[in-house]
Protein backbone atom coordinates (compact mmCIF):
# COMPACT_ATOMS: atom_id res chain seq x y z
CA MET A 1 -82.88 -52.45 67.99
CA ASN A 2 -81.00 -53.33 71.57
CA GLN A 3 -77.39 -52.48 72.49
CA ASP A 4 -75.78 -55.61 71.03
CA ASP A 5 -77.22 -54.93 67.66
CA LEU A 6 -75.66 -51.73 67.63
CA ILE A 7 -71.99 -53.20 68.75
CA ASP A 8 -72.39 -55.63 65.85
CA ASP A 9 -72.81 -52.76 63.53
CA LEU A 10 -69.96 -50.95 64.12
CA LYS A 11 -67.15 -50.89 61.50
CA ASP A 12 -63.51 -50.50 61.55
CA TYR A 13 -62.55 -47.60 58.74
CA GLU A 14 -59.17 -46.05 58.08
CA LEU A 15 -59.10 -42.09 56.46
CA VAL A 16 -55.50 -41.32 55.54
CA LEU A 17 -55.49 -37.71 53.77
CA LEU A 18 -52.98 -35.71 51.68
CA SER A 19 -53.03 -32.10 51.75
CA GLY A 20 -51.15 -29.13 50.04
CA ASP A 21 -51.29 -27.27 53.55
CA GLU A 22 -50.66 -28.42 56.97
CA PRO A 23 -54.21 -30.23 57.63
CA ASN A 24 -55.99 -28.72 60.70
CA GLN A 25 -58.65 -30.45 62.80
CA SER A 26 -61.61 -29.86 61.29
CA VAL A 27 -61.84 -33.65 59.60
CA LYS A 28 -61.28 -35.09 63.44
CA GLU A 29 -64.06 -32.61 64.15
CA LEU A 30 -66.56 -33.90 61.37
CA LEU A 31 -65.59 -37.85 62.49
CA LEU A 32 -66.80 -37.01 66.01
CA LYS A 33 -69.81 -35.20 64.83
CA HIS A 34 -70.97 -38.18 63.08
CA GLY A 35 -70.44 -39.94 66.43
CA ALA A 36 -67.07 -41.83 65.16
CA ASP A 37 -64.85 -43.37 68.02
CA VAL A 38 -61.33 -41.94 66.72
CA PHE A 39 -58.84 -44.62 68.28
CA SER A 40 -55.86 -44.32 66.55
CA GLU A 41 -54.43 -40.86 64.88
CA ILE A 42 -51.64 -41.37 62.44
CA PRO A 43 -49.02 -38.10 63.03
CA ILE A 44 -49.03 -34.92 60.76
CA VAL A 45 -45.81 -35.63 58.30
CA LYS A 46 -44.33 -33.79 55.19
CA ILE A 47 -43.55 -36.83 52.59
CA ASN A 48 -42.19 -36.08 49.09
CA LEU A 49 -44.68 -37.28 46.51
CA ALA A 50 -43.58 -39.59 43.64
CA TYR A 51 -44.69 -37.18 40.89
CA PRO A 52 -46.15 -34.33 41.14
CA ILE A 53 -49.60 -33.32 41.56
CA GLN A 54 -51.25 -30.34 40.54
CA ASN A 55 -47.38 -28.97 40.50
CA GLN A 56 -46.38 -29.66 43.87
CA THR A 57 -43.63 -32.41 44.68
CA ALA A 58 -44.48 -32.25 48.58
CA ALA A 59 -47.45 -33.10 51.09
CA PHE A 60 -48.55 -33.25 54.34
CA MET A 61 -49.99 -36.74 55.33
CA ASN A 62 -52.28 -37.70 58.27
CA GLY A 63 -55.07 -39.92 59.21
CA PHE A 64 -56.97 -41.70 61.51
CA ARG A 65 -58.55 -45.12 62.30
CA PHE A 66 -62.00 -44.70 64.10
CA ARG A 67 -65.11 -46.89 64.39
CA LEU A 68 -68.35 -45.64 63.06
CA GLN A 69 -72.26 -47.50 62.75
CA ALA A 70 -71.82 -48.69 58.91
CA ASP A 71 -75.28 -46.47 58.14
CA LYS A 72 -73.63 -43.47 59.23
CA MET A 73 -70.57 -43.71 56.85
CA PRO A 74 -72.53 -42.42 53.75
CA PHE A 75 -73.42 -39.06 55.75
CA LEU A 76 -69.82 -38.54 56.76
CA TRP A 77 -68.32 -39.65 53.32
CA GLY A 78 -70.61 -36.92 51.54
CA GLU A 79 -69.60 -34.30 54.04
CA LEU A 80 -65.93 -35.26 53.37
CA LYS A 81 -66.01 -34.65 49.68
CA LEU A 82 -67.64 -31.50 50.21
CA LYS A 83 -65.09 -30.27 52.16
CA ALA A 84 -62.48 -31.66 49.47
CA ASN A 85 -63.86 -29.33 47.21
């Protein structure tokens, strides 16, 4: 596989997070660990939810836009799901 094949295999993704606690940098660190190129970060904001979720009426929201090789996404997704539990 040559360099052009690797570049063609990169895809853009957007990940938006809602959390009851103020988010930390662990998700960004996880993205970087999997080789993602984080090119934009949505700043942390506190939002009012349209309806309560687990008795919470507000949450913190932030997110990331990043590029990653498509074949690495299932591994990243698996770790993100583990962190959510």
